[in-house]
Amino acid sequence: MKMVVAVIKPFKLDDVRESLTALGIEGLTVTEVKGFGRQKGQTEIYRGAEYSVSFLPKVKIEVAIPAELEDQVVEAIQTTANTGRIGDGKIFVYDLTRAVRIRTGESGKDAL
């Protein structure tokens, strides 16, 4: 099993969710986060005053998947979240050693 974590632009969330659903992914966790990468934030003008925004709003998606879907899921997220502009985000893949469904006690792939 694998845990895929993607940090993307917020307006791409629905598109990514739809692409993952098309692959048969039945659940995911979404968290609103803030951060910066190479773009080092951005400068904005508010009421005539210029100020710097160090942390930009992003969305973090976490999805536990069977190992055999790893390449398909990463490609779906990368293709769907891509705008071609700086700040599109990152995808991280971790090994997931155990998963347990609390309600039924199922574990492993059955818990996903």
PDB file of N, CA and C in Angstrom:
ATOM      1  N   MET A   1       0.849  -1.184   0.000  1.00  0.00           N
ATOM      2  CA  MET A   1       0.000   0.000   0.000  1.00  0.00           C
ATOM      3  C   MET A   1       0.885   1.234   0.000  1.00  0.00           C
ATOM      4  N   LYS A   2       0.347   2.309  -0.525  1.00  0.00           N
ATOM      5  CA  LYS A   2       1.070   3.576  -0.615  1.00  0.00           C
ATOM      6  C   LYS A   2       0.193   4.702  -0.093  1.00  0.00           C
ATOM      7  N   MET A   3       0.853   5.735   0.431  1.00  0.00           N
ATOM      8  CA  MET A   3       0.171   6.971   0.813  1.00  0.00           C
ATOM      9  C   MET A   3       0.674   8.041  -0.137  1.00  0.00           C
ATOM     10  N   VAL A   4      -0.242   8.638  -0.896  1.00  0.00           N
ATOM     11  CA  VAL A   4       0.110   9.702  -1.825  1.00  0.00           C
ATOM     12  C   VAL A   4      -0.353  11.015  -1.220  1.00  0.00           C
ATOM     13  N   VAL A   5       0.581  11.957  -1.106  1.00  0.00           N
ATOM     14  CA  VAL A   5       0.286  13.288  -0.572  1.00  0.00           C
ATOM     15  C   VAL A   5       0.607  14.290  -1.670  1.00  0.00           C
ATOM     16  N   ALA A   6      -0.375  15.112  -2.009  1.00  0.00           N
ATOM     17  CA  ALA A   6      -0.180  16.122  -3.048  1.00  0.00           C
ATOM     18  C   ALA A   6      -0.551  17.484  -2.487  1.00  0.00           C
ATOM     19  N   VAL A   7       0.297  18.472  -2.754  1.00  0.00           N
ATOM     20  CA  VAL A   7       0.014  19.859  -2.376  1.00  0.00           C
ATOM     21  C   VAL A   7      -0.208  20.604  -3.678  1.00  0.00           C
ATOM     22  N   ILE A   8      -1.434  21.132  -3.859  1.00  0.00           N
ATOM     23  CA  ILE A   8      -1.817  21.723  -5.137  1.00  0.00           C
ATOM     24  C   ILE A   8      -2.492  23.074  -4.926  1.00  0.00           C
ATOM     25  N   LYS A   9      -2.748  23.768  -6.030  1.00  0.00           N
ATOM     26  CA  LYS A   9      -3.503  25.024  -5.971  1.00  0.00           C
ATOM     27  C   LYS A   9      -4.965  24.713  -5.662  1.00  0.00           C
ATOM     28  N   PRO A  10      -5.594  25.518  -4.811  1.00  0.00           N
ATOM     29  CA  PRO A  10      -6.958  25.220  -4.364  1.00  0.00           C
ATOM     30  C   PRO A  10      -7.988  25.075  -5.493  1.00  0.00           C
ATOM     31  N   PHE A  11      -7.884  25.873  -6.542  1.00  0.00           N
ATOM     32  CA  PHE A  11      -8.907  25.823  -7.592  1.00  0.00           C
ATOM     33  C   PHE A  11      -8.819  24.552  -8.442  1.00  0.00           C
ATOM     34  N   LYS A  12      -7.787  23.748  -8.247  1.00  0.00           N
ATOM     35  CA  LYS A  12      -7.631  22.496  -8.989  1.00  0.00           C
ATOM     36  C   LYS A  12      -8.196  21.293  -8.230  1.00  0.00           C
ATOM     37  N   LEU A  13      -8.684  21.498  -7.018  1.00  0.00           N
ATOM     38  CA  LEU A  13      -9.130  20.395  -6.171  1.00  0.00           C
ATOM     39  C   LEU A  13     -10.233  19.564  -6.815  1.00  0.00           C
ATOM     40  N   ASP A  14     -11.276  20.190  -7.324  1.00  0.00           N
ATOM     41  CA  ASP A  14     -12.386  19.429  -7.900  1.00  0.00           C
ATOM     42  C   ASP A  14     -11.947  18.607  -9.102  1.00  0.00           C
ATOM     43  N   ASP A  15     -11.080  19.166  -9.934  1.00  0.00           N
ATOM     44  CA  ASP A  15     -10.585  18.430 -11.095  1.00  0.00           C
ATOM     45  C   ASP A  15      -9.789  17.205 -10.664  1.00  0.00           C
ATOM     46  N   VAL A  16      -8.934  17.370  -9.657  1.00  0.00           N
ATOM     47  CA  VAL A  16      -8.129  16.253  -9.161  1.00  0.00           C
ATOM     48  C   VAL A  16      -9.028  15.196  -8.538  1.00  0.00           C
ATOM     49  N   ARG A  17     -10.010  15.610  -7.760  1.00  0.00           N
ATOM     50  CA  ARG A  17     -10.935  14.655  -7.141  1.00  0.00           C
ATOM     51  C   ARG A  17     -11.658  13.838  -8.211  1.00  0.00           C
ATOM     52  N   GLU A  18     -12.115  14.491  -9.261  1.00  0.00           N
ATOM     53  CA  GLU A  18     -12.810  13.786 -10.334  1.00  0.00           C
ATOM     54  C   GLU A  18     -11.893  12.786 -11.040  1.00  0.00           C
ATOM     55  N   SER A  19     -10.639  13.170 -11.266  1.00  0.00           N
ATOM     56  CA  SER A  19      -9.716  12.249 -11.942  1.00  0.00           C
ATOM     57  C   SER A  19      -9.388  11.039 -11.067  1.00  0.00           C
ATOM     58  N   LEU A  20      -9.303  11.245  -9.754  1.00  0.00           N
ATOM     59  CA  LEU A  20      -9.047  10.121  -8.853  1.00  0.00           C
ATOM     60  C   LEU A  20     -10.272   9.217  -8.734  1.00  0.00           C
ATOM     61  N   THR A  21     -11.450   9.804  -8.716  1.00  0.00           N
ATOM     62  CA  THR A  21     -12.679   9.018  -8.667  1.00  0.00           C
ATOM     63  C   THR A  21     -12.801   8.141  -9.909  1.00  0.00           C
ATOM     64  N   ALA A  22     -12.389   8.659 -11.055  1.00  0.00           N
ATOM     65  CA  ALA A  22     -12.428   7.891 -12.306  1.00  0.00           C
ATOM     66  C   ALA A  22     -11.504   6.676 -12.252  1.00  0.00           C
ATOM     67  N   LEU A  23     -10.463   6.740 -11.413  1.00  0.00           N
ATOM     68  CA  LEU A  23      -9.542   5.611 -11.250  1.00  0.00           C
ATOM     69  C   LEU A  23     -10.049   4.586 -10.236  1.00  0.00           C
ATOM     70  N   GLY A  24     -11.175   4.886  -9.595  1.00  0.00           N
ATOM     71  CA  GLY A  24     -11.728   3.975  -8.596  1.00  0.00           C
ATOM     72  C   GLY A  24     -11.329   4.292  -7.173  1.00  0.00           C
ATOM     73  N   ILE A  25     -10.699   5.439  -6.953  1.00  0.00           N
ATOM     74  CA  ILE A  25     -10.337   5.858  -5.595  1.00  0.00           C
ATOM     75  C   ILE A  25     -11.619   6.264  -4.878  1.00  0.00           C
ATOM     76  N   GLU A  26     -11.873   5.643  -3.730  1.00  0.00           N
ATOM     77  CA  GLU A  26     -13.147   5.855  -3.044  1.00  0.00           C
ATOM     78  C   GLU A  26     -13.100   6.893  -1.939  1.00  0.00           C
ATOM     79  N   GLY A  27     -11.911   7.317  -1.519  1.00  0.00           N
ATOM     80  CA  GLY A  27     -11.853   8.290  -0.444  1.00  0.00           C
ATOM     81  C   GLY A  27     -10.530   9.011  -0.413  1.00  0.00           C
ATOM     82  N   LEU A  28     -10.556  10.220   0.075  1.00  0.00           N
ATOM     83  CA  LEU A  28      -9.336  10.998   0.241  1.00  0.00           C
ATOM     84  C   LEU A  28      -9.556  12.027   1.329  1.00  0.00           C
ATOM     85  N   THR A  29      -8.476  12.559   1.831  1.00  0.00           N
ATOM     86  CA  THR A  29      -8.531  13.589   2.865  1.00  0.00           C
ATOM     87  C   THR A  29      -7.960  14.869   2.299  1.00  0.00           C
ATOM     88  N   VAL A  30      -8.640  15.986   2.556  1.00  0.00           N
ATOM     89  CA  VAL A  30      -8.213  17.285   2.047  1.00  0.00           C
ATOM     90  C   VAL A  30      -8.026  18.236   3.220  1.00  0.00           C
ATOM     91  N   THR A  31      -6.908  18.953   3.213  1.00  0.00           N
ATOM     92  CA  THR A  31      -6.607  19.934   4.250  1.00  0.00           C
ATOM     93  C   THR A  31      -6.205  21.239   3.583  1.00  0.00           C
ATOM     94  N   GLU A  32      -6.733  22.349   4.075  1.00  0.00           N
ATOM     95  CA  GLU A  32      -6.293  23.661   3.589  1.00  0.00           C
ATOM     96  C   GLU A  32      -5.001  24.013   4.309  1.00  0.00           C
ATOM     97  N   VAL A  33      -3.956  24.306   3.540  1.00  0.00           N
ATOM     98  CA  VAL A  33      -2.643  24.606   4.111  1.00  0.00           C
ATOM     99  C   VAL A  33      -2.090  25.872   3.472  1.00  0.00           C
ATOM    100  N   LYS A  34      -1.000  26.376   4.015  1.00  0.00           N
ATOM    101  CA  LYS A  34      -0.294  27.514   3.432  1.00  0.00           C
ATOM    102  C   LYS A  34       1.170  27.151   3.330  1.00  0.00           C
ATOM    103  N   GLY A  35       1.838  27.670   2.319  1.00  0.00           N
ATOM    104  CA  GLY A  35       3.252  27.377   2.172  1.00  0.00           C
ATOM    105  C   GLY A  35       3.859  28.138   1.012  1.00  0.00           C
ATOM    106  N   PHE A  36       5.148  27.901   0.790  1.00  0.00           N
ATOM    107  CA  PHE A  36       5.814  28.496  -0.366  1.00  0.00           C
ATOM    108  C   PHE A  36       6.929  27.581  -0.808  1.00  0.00           C
ATOM    109  N   GLY A  37       7.298  27.716  -2.050  1.00  0.00           N
ATOM    110  CA  GLY A  37       8.401  26.958  -2.621  1.00  0.00           C
ATOM    111  C   GLY A  37       9.332  27.923  -3.314  1.00  0.00           C
ATOM    112  N   ARG A  38       9.653  27.623  -4.537  1.00  0.00           N
ATOM    113  CA  ARG A  38      10.572  28.471  -5.287  1.00  0.00           C
ATOM    114  C   ARG A  38      10.053  29.875  -5.518  1.00  0.00           C
ATOM    115  N   GLN A  39       8.720  30.035  -5.562  1.00  0.00           N
ATOM    116  CA  GLN A  39       8.184  31.362  -5.848  1.00  0.00           C
ATOM    117  C   GLN A  39       8.342  32.320  -4.674  1.00  0.00           C
ATOM    118  N   LYS A  40       8.680  31.818  -3.485  1.00  0.00           N
ATOM    119  CA  LYS A  40       8.939  32.638  -2.291  1.00  0.00           C
ATOM    120  C   LYS A  40       7.805  33.606  -1.976  1.00  0.00           C
ATOM    121  N   GLY A  41       6.568  33.182  -2.194  1.00  0.00           N
ATOM    122  CA  GLY A  41       5.434  34.053  -1.936  1.00  0.00           C
ATOM    123  C   GLY A  41       5.185  34.967  -3.115  1.00  0.00           C
ATOM    124  N   GLN A  42       4.443  36.018  -2.872  1.00  0.00           N
ATOM    125  CA  GLN A  42       4.147  36.965  -3.938  1.00  0.00           C
ATOM    126  C   GLN A  42       3.852  38.330  -3.353  1.00  0.00           C
ATOM    127  N   THR A  43       3.915  39.348  -4.190  1.00  0.00           N
ATOM    128  CA  THR A  43       3.618  40.709  -3.767  1.00  0.00           C
ATOM    129  C   THR A  43       2.231  41.077  -4.269  1.00  0.00           C
ATOM    130  N   GLU A  44       1.414  41.645  -3.396  1.00  0.00           N
ATOM    131  CA  GLU A  44       0.066  42.059  -3.756  1.00  0.00           C
ATOM    132  C   GLU A  44      -0.143  43.514  -3.367  1.00  0.00           C
ATOM    133  N   ILE A  45      -1.113  44.142  -4.012  1.00  0.00           N
ATOM    134  CA  ILE A  45      -1.469  45.524  -3.696  1.00  0.00           C
ATOM    135  C   ILE A  45      -2.869  45.520  -3.094  1.00  0.00           C
ATOM    136  N   TYR A  46      -2.996  46.097  -1.893  1.00  0.00           N
ATOM    137  CA  TYR A  46      -4.268  46.170  -1.199  1.00  0.00           C
ATOM    138  C   TYR A  46      -4.482  47.605  -0.752  1.00  0.00           C
ATOM    139  N   ARG A  47      -5.560  48.237  -1.237  1.00  0.00           N
ATOM    140  CA  ARG A  47      -5.890  49.630  -0.925  1.00  0.00           C
ATOM    141  C   ARG A  47      -4.719  50.566  -1.194  1.00  0.00           C
ATOM    142  N   GLY A  48      -4.049  50.315  -2.302  1.00  0.00           N
ATOM    143  CA  GLY A  48      -2.959  51.189  -2.721  1.00  0.00           C
ATOM    144  C   GLY A  48      -1.619  50.902  -2.096  1.00  0.00           C
ATOM    145  N   ALA A  49      -1.584  50.023  -1.103  1.00  0.00           N
ATOM    146  CA  ALA A  49      -0.320  49.701  -0.442  1.00  0.00           C
ATOM    147  C   ALA A  49       0.165  48.335  -0.923  1.00  0.00           C
ATOM    148  N   GLU A  50       1.443  48.258  -1.185  1.00  0.00           N
ATOM    149  CA  GLU A  50       2.032  47.001  -1.626  1.00  0.00           C
ATOM    150  C   GLU A  50       2.534  46.218  -0.418  1.00  0.00           C
ATOM    151  N   TYR A  51       2.208  44.938  -0.369  1.00  0.00           N
ATOM    152  CA  TYR A  51       2.703  44.113   0.723  1.00  0.00           C
ATOM    153  C   TYR A  51       3.040  42.726   0.205  1.00  0.00           C
ATOM    154  N   SER A  52       3.877  42.045   0.945  1.00  0.00           N
ATOM    155  CA  SER A  52       4.356  40.736   0.536  1.00  0.00           C
ATOM    156  C   SER A  52       3.595  39.635   1.270  1.00  0.00           C
ATOM    157  N   VAL A  53       3.162  38.619   0.521  1.00  0.00           N
ATOM    158  CA  VAL A  53       2.497  37.455   1.087  1.00  0.00           C
ATOM    159  C   VAL A  53       3.508  36.320   1.073  1.00  0.00           C
ATOM    160  N   SER A  54       4.001  35.934   2.247  1.00  0.00           N
ATOM    161  CA  SER A  54       5.044  34.915   2.335  1.00  0.00           C
ATOM    162  C   SER A  54       4.509  33.502   2.116  1.00  0.00           C
ATOM    163  N   PHE A  55       3.327  33.235   2.633  1.00  0.00           N
ATOM    164  CA  PHE A  55       2.740  31.906   2.519  1.00  0.00           C
ATOM    165  C   PHE A  55       1.504  31.969   1.645  1.00  0.00           C
ATOM    166  N   LEU A  56       1.479  31.127   0.617  1.00  0.00           N
ATOM    167  CA  LEU A  56       0.360  31.102  -0.313  1.00  0.00           C
ATOM    168  C   LEU A  56      -0.608  29.981   0.057  1.00  0.00           C
ATOM    169  N   PRO A  57      -1.911  30.189  -0.159  1.00  0.00           N
ATOM    170  CA  PRO A  57      -2.877  29.138   0.157  1.00  0.00           C
ATOM    171  C   PRO A  57      -2.732  27.960  -0.800  1.00  0.00           C
ATOM    172  N   LYS A  58      -2.742  26.773  -0.243  1.00  0.00           N
ATOM    173  CA  LYS A  58      -2.654  25.531  -1.009  1.00  0.00           C
ATOM    174  C   LYS A  58      -3.641  24.537  -0.418  1.00  0.00           C
ATOM    175  N   VAL A  59      -3.820  23.414  -1.096  1.00  0.00           N
ATOM    176  CA  VAL A  59      -4.651  22.327  -0.603  1.00  0.00           C
ATOM    177  C   VAL A  59      -3.789  21.071  -0.570  1.00  0.00           C
ATOM    178  N   LYS A  60      -3.827  20.359   0.558  1.00  0.00           N
ATOM    179  CA  LYS A  60      -3.078  19.102   0.672  1.00  0.00           C
ATOM    180  C   LYS A  60      -4.070  17.950   0.582  1.00  0.00           C
ATOM    181  N   ILE A  61      -3.804  17.048  -0.361  1.00  0.00           N
ATOM    182  CA  ILE A  61      -4.635  15.867  -0.567  1.00  0.00           C
ATOM    183  C   ILE A  61      -3.843  14.660  -0.088  1.00  0.00           C
ATOM    184  N   GLU A  62      -4.487  13.821   0.717  1.00  0.00           N
ATOM    185  CA  GLU A  62      -3.868  12.582   1.174  1.00  0.00           C
ATOM    186  C   GLU A  62      -4.769  11.424   0.767  1.00  0.00           C
ATOM    187  N   VAL A  63      -4.180  10.431   0.100  1.00  0.00           N
ATOM    188  CA  VAL A  63      -4.973   9.293  -0.343  1.00  0.00           C
ATOM    189  C   VAL A  63      -4.157   8.007  -0.184  1.00  0.00           C
ATOM    190  N   ALA A  64      -4.759   7.022   0.483  1.00  0.00           N
ATOM    191  CA  ALA A  64      -4.137   5.714   0.652  1.00  0.00           C
ATOM    192  C   ALA A  64      -4.619   4.823  -0.489  1.00  0.00           C
ATOM    193  N   ILE A  65      -3.663   4.165  -1.151  1.00  0.00           N
ATOM    194  CA  ILE A  65      -3.994   3.392  -2.352  1.00  0.00           C
ATOM    195  C   ILE A  65      -3.251   2.054  -2.350  1.00  0.00           C
ATOM    196  N   PRO A  66      -3.760   1.089  -3.115  1.00  0.00           N
ATOM    197  CA  PRO A  66      -2.979  -0.132  -3.341  1.00  0.00           C
ATOM    198  C   PRO A  66      -1.726   0.218  -4.146  1.00  0.00           C
ATOM    199  N   ALA A  67      -0.633  -0.469  -3.903  1.00  0.00           N
ATOM    200  CA  ALA A  67       0.644  -0.157  -4.545  1.00  0.00           C
ATOM    201  C   ALA A  67       0.561  -0.192  -6.066  1.00  0.00           C
ATOM    202  N   GLU A  68      -0.269  -1.074  -6.613  1.00  0.00           N
ATOM    203  CA  GLU A  68      -0.344  -1.188  -8.068  1.00  0.00           C
ATOM    204  C   GLU A  68      -0.977   0.028  -8.755  1.00  0.00           C
ATOM    205  N   LEU A  69      -1.634   0.891  -8.001  1.00  0.00           N
ATOM    206  CA  LEU A  69      -2.237   2.102  -8.585  1.00  0.00           C
ATOM    207  C   LEU A  69      -1.325   3.328  -8.488  1.00  0.00           C
ATOM    208  N   GLU A  70      -0.146   3.177  -7.906  1.00  0.00           N
ATOM    209  CA  GLU A  70       0.720   4.328  -7.647  1.00  0.00           C
ATOM    210  C   GLU A  70       0.982   5.164  -8.898  1.00  0.00           C
ATOM    211  N   ASP A  71       1.452   4.553  -9.965  1.00  0.00           N
ATOM    212  CA  ASP A  71       1.790   5.317 -11.170  1.00  0.00           C
ATOM    213  C   ASP A  71       0.576   6.013 -11.766  1.00  0.00           C
ATOM    214  N   GLN A  72      -0.572   5.329 -11.792  1.00  0.00           N
ATOM    215  CA  GLN A  72      -1.782   5.917 -12.348  1.00  0.00           C
ATOM    216  C   GLN A  72      -2.253   7.118 -11.522  1.00  0.00           C
ATOM    217  N   VAL A  73      -2.197   6.987 -10.205  1.00  0.00           N
ATOM    218  CA  VAL A  73      -2.649   8.068  -9.325  1.00  0.00           C
ATOM    219  C   VAL A  73      -1.720   9.279  -9.442  1.00  0.00           C
ATOM    220  N   VAL A  74      -0.413   9.041  -9.422  1.00  0.00           N
ATOM    221  CA  VAL A  74       0.539  10.152  -9.543  1.00  0.00           C
ATOM    222  C   VAL A  74       0.359  10.860 -10.885  1.00  0.00           C
ATOM    223  N   GLU A  75       0.203  10.091 -11.956  1.00  0.00           N
ATOM    224  CA  GLU A  75       0.015  10.698 -13.278  1.00  0.00           C
ATOM    225  C   GLU A  75      -1.291  11.484 -13.356  1.00  0.00           C
ATOM    226  N   ALA A  76      -2.361  10.947 -12.761  1.00  0.00           N
ATOM    227  CA  ALA A  76      -3.650  11.642 -12.769  1.00  0.00           C
ATOM    228  C   ALA A  76      -3.564  12.971 -12.028  1.00  0.00           C
ATOM    229  N   ILE A  77      -2.916  12.970 -10.869  1.00  0.00           N
ATOM    230  CA  ILE A  77      -2.777  14.219 -10.109  1.00  0.00           C
ATOM    231  C   ILE A  77      -1.907  15.203 -10.862  1.00  0.00           C
ATOM    232  N   GLN A  78      -0.771  14.733 -11.376  1.00  0.00           N
ATOM    233  CA  GLN A  78       0.153  15.620 -12.085  1.00  0.00           C
ATOM    234  C   GLN A  78      -0.506  16.240 -13.321  1.00  0.00           C
ATOM    235  N   THR A  79      -1.196  15.447 -14.089  1.00  0.00           N
ATOM    236  CA  THR A  79      -1.842  15.942 -15.305  1.00  0.00           C
ATOM    237  C   THR A  79      -2.960  16.926 -14.984  1.00  0.00           C
ATOM    238  N   THR A  80      -3.762  16.590 -13.983  1.00  0.00           N
ATOM    239  CA  THR A  80      -4.935  17.401 -13.662  1.00  0.00           C
ATOM    240  C   THR A  80      -4.583  18.688 -12.932  1.00  0.00           C
ATOM    241  N   ALA A  81      -3.579  18.660 -12.059  1.00  0.00           N
ATOM    242  CA  ALA A  81      -3.234  19.839 -11.257  1.00  0.00           C
ATOM    243  C   ALA A  81      -2.298  20.793 -11.993  1.00  0.00           C
ATOM    244  N   ASN A  82      -1.776  20.392 -13.129  1.00  0.00           N
ATOM    245  CA  ASN A  82      -0.804  21.203 -13.861  1.00  0.00           C
ATOM    246  C   ASN A  82      -1.456  22.408 -14.534  1.00  0.00           C
ATOM    247  N   THR A  83      -0.926  23.594 -14.236  1.00  0.00           N
ATOM    248  CA  THR A  83      -1.342  24.809 -14.939  1.00  0.00           C
ATOM    249  C   THR A  83      -0.217  25.329 -15.821  1.00  0.00           C
ATOM    250  N   GLY A  84       0.986  24.802 -15.615  1.00  0.00           N
ATOM    251  CA  GLY A  84       2.145  25.267 -16.367  1.00  0.00           C
ATOM    252  C   GLY A  84       2.804  26.494 -15.757  1.00  0.00           C
ATOM    253  N   ARG A  85       2.289  26.939 -14.617  1.00  0.00           N
ATOM    254  CA  ARG A  85       2.854  28.112 -13.949  1.00  0.00           C
ATOM    255  C   ARG A  85       3.545  27.681 -12.658  1.00  0.00           C
ATOM    256  N   ILE A  86       4.430  28.524 -12.188  1.00  0.00           N
ATOM    257  CA  ILE A  86       5.141  28.233 -10.947  1.00  0.00           C
ATOM    258  C   ILE A  86       4.138  28.122  -9.793  1.00  0.00           C
ATOM    259  N   GLY A  87       4.414  27.222  -8.871  1.00  0.00           N
ATOM    260  CA  GLY A  87       3.539  27.056  -7.712  1.00  0.00           C
ATOM    261  C   GLY A  87       2.466  26.005  -7.903  1.00  0.00           C
ATOM    262  N   ASP A  88       2.573  25.158  -8.936  1.00  0.00           N
ATOM    263  CA  ASP A  88       1.573  24.119  -9.158  1.00  0.00           C
ATOM    264  C   ASP A  88       1.546  23.088  -8.048  1.00  0.00           C
ATOM    265  N   GLY A  89       2.665  22.883  -7.364  1.00  0.00           N
ATOM    266  CA  GLY A  89       2.664  21.995  -6.212  1.00  0.00           C
ATOM    267  C   GLY A  89       3.624  20.840  -6.325  1.00  0.00           C
ATOM    268  N   LYS A  90       3.461  19.878  -5.419  1.00  0.00           N
ATOM    269  CA  LYS A  90       4.327  18.712  -5.335  1.00  0.00           C
ATOM    270  C   LYS A  90       3.484  17.477  -5.031  1.00  0.00           C
ATOM    271  N   ILE A  91       4.047  16.305  -5.374  1.00  0.00           N
ATOM    272  CA  ILE A  91       3.430  15.027  -5.036  1.00  0.00           C
ATOM    273  C   ILE A  91       4.487  14.197  -4.307  1.00  0.00           C
ATOM    274  N   PHE A  92       4.098  13.619  -3.185  1.00  0.00           N
ATOM    275  CA  PHE A  92       4.978  12.764  -2.401  1.00  0.00           C
ATOM    276  C   PHE A  92       4.320  11.392  -2.267  1.00  0.00           C
ATOM    277  N   VAL A  93       5.117  10.330  -2.333  1.00  0.00           N
ATOM    278  CA  VAL A  93       4.599   8.973  -2.186  1.00  0.00           C
ATOM    279  C   VAL A  93       5.366   8.282  -1.063  1.00  0.00           C
ATOM    280  N   TYR A  94       4.622   7.746  -0.102  1.00  0.00           N
ATOM    281  CA  TYR A  94       5.203   7.056   1.042  1.00  0.00           C
ATOM    282  C   TYR A  94       4.742   5.607   1.050  1.00  0.00           C
ATOM    283  N   ASP A  95       5.562   4.728   1.617  1.00  0.00           N
ATOM    284  CA  ASP A  95       5.111   3.365   1.874  1.00  0.00           C
ATOM    285  C   ASP A  95       4.146   3.393   3.051  1.00  0.00           C
ATOM    286  N   LEU A  96       3.067   2.666   2.927  1.00  0.00           N
ATOM    287  CA  LEU A  96       2.059   2.579   3.981  1.00  0.00           C
ATOM    288  C   LEU A  96       2.089   1.150   4.514  1.00  0.00           C
ATOM    289  N   THR A  97       2.512   0.978   5.751  1.00  0.00           N
ATOM    290  CA  THR A  97       2.714  -0.366   6.280  1.00  0.00           C
ATOM    291  C   THR A  97       1.440  -1.002   6.825  1.00  0.00           C
ATOM    292  N   ARG A  98       0.489  -0.191   7.238  1.00  0.00           N
ATOM    293  CA  ARG A  98      -0.721  -0.761   7.820  1.00  0.00           C
ATOM    294  C   ARG A  98      -1.876   0.217   7.731  1.00  0.00           C
ATOM    295  N   ALA A  99      -3.054  -0.317   7.450  1.00  0.00           N
ATOM    296  CA  ALA A  99      -4.287   0.476   7.462  1.00  0.00           C
ATOM    297  C   ALA A  99      -5.369  -0.378   8.113  1.00  0.00           C
ATOM    298  N   VAL A 100      -6.175   0.232   8.970  1.00  0.00           N
ATOM    299  CA  VAL A 100      -7.248  -0.483   9.660  1.00  0.00           C
ATOM    300  C   VAL A 100      -8.515   0.360   9.590  1.00  0.00           C
ATOM    301  N   ARG A 101      -9.599  -0.256   9.152  1.00  0.00           N
ATOM    302  CA  ARG A 101     -10.902   0.421   9.162  1.00  0.00           C
ATOM    303  C   ARG A 101     -11.460   0.307  10.577  1.00  0.00           C
ATOM    304  N   ILE A 102     -11.684   1.399  11.237  1.00  0.00           N
ATOM    305  CA  ILE A 102     -12.086   1.410  12.645  1.00  0.00           C
ATOM    306  C   ILE A 102     -13.426   0.704  12.851  1.00  0.00           C
ATOM    307  N   ARG A 103     -14.396   0.983  11.998  1.00  0.00           N
ATOM    308  CA  ARG A 103     -15.739   0.439  12.188  1.00  0.00           C
ATOM    309  C   ARG A 103     -15.782  -1.085  12.147  1.00  0.00           C
ATOM    310  N   THR A 104     -15.072  -1.694  11.171  1.00  0.00           N
ATOM    311  CA  THR A 104     -15.194  -3.139  10.967  1.00  0.00           C
ATOM    312  C   THR A 104     -13.969  -3.932  11.415  1.00  0.00           C
ATOM    313  N   GLY A 105     -12.854  -3.260  11.602  1.00  0.00           N
ATOM    314  CA  GLY A 105     -11.628  -3.949  11.966  1.00  0.00           C
ATOM    315  C   GLY A 105     -10.869  -4.510  10.776  1.00  0.00           C
ATOM    316  N   GLU A 106     -11.395  -4.287   9.550  1.00  0.00           N
ATOM    317  CA  GLU A 106     -10.700  -4.762   8.355  1.00  0.00           C
ATOM    318  C   GLU A 106      -9.332  -4.103   8.274  1.00  0.00           C
ATOM    319  N   SER A 107      -8.359  -4.831   7.710  1.00  0.00           N
ATOM    320  CA  SER A 107      -7.028  -4.253   7.604  1.00  0.00           C
ATOM    321  C   SER A 107      -6.461  -4.506   6.215  1.00  0.00           C
ATOM    322  N   GLY A 108      -5.338  -3.840   5.917  1.00  0.00           N
ATOM    323  CA  GLY A 108      -4.712  -3.951   4.615  1.00  0.00           C
ATOM    324  C   GLY A 108      -5.548  -3.311   3.517  1.00  0.00           C
ATOM    325  N   LYS A 109      -5.523  -3.915   2.323  1.00  0.00           N
ATOM    326  CA  LYS A 109      -6.281  -3.377   1.186  1.00  0.00           C
ATOM    327  C   LYS A 109      -7.771  -3.305   1.468  1.00  0.00           C
ATOM    328  N   ASP A 110      -8.293  -4.245   2.278  1.00  0.00           N
ATOM    329  CA  ASP A 110      -9.720  -4.235   2.598  1.00  0.00           C
ATOM    330  C   ASP A 110     -10.128  -2.980   3.367  1.00  0.00           C
ATOM    331  N   ALA A 111      -9.191  -2.374   4.063  1.00  0.00           N
ATOM    332  CA  ALA A 111      -9.485  -1.168   4.844  1.00  0.00           C
ATOM    333  C   ALA A 111      -9.573   0.068   3.961  1.00  0.00           C
ATOM    334  N   LEU A 112      -8.990  -0.020   2.764  1.00  0.00           N
ATOM    335  CA  LEU A 112      -9.002   1.148   1.872  1.00  0.00           C
ATOM    336  C   LEU A 112     -10.362   1.283   1.225  1.00  0.00           C
TER     337      LEU A 112
END
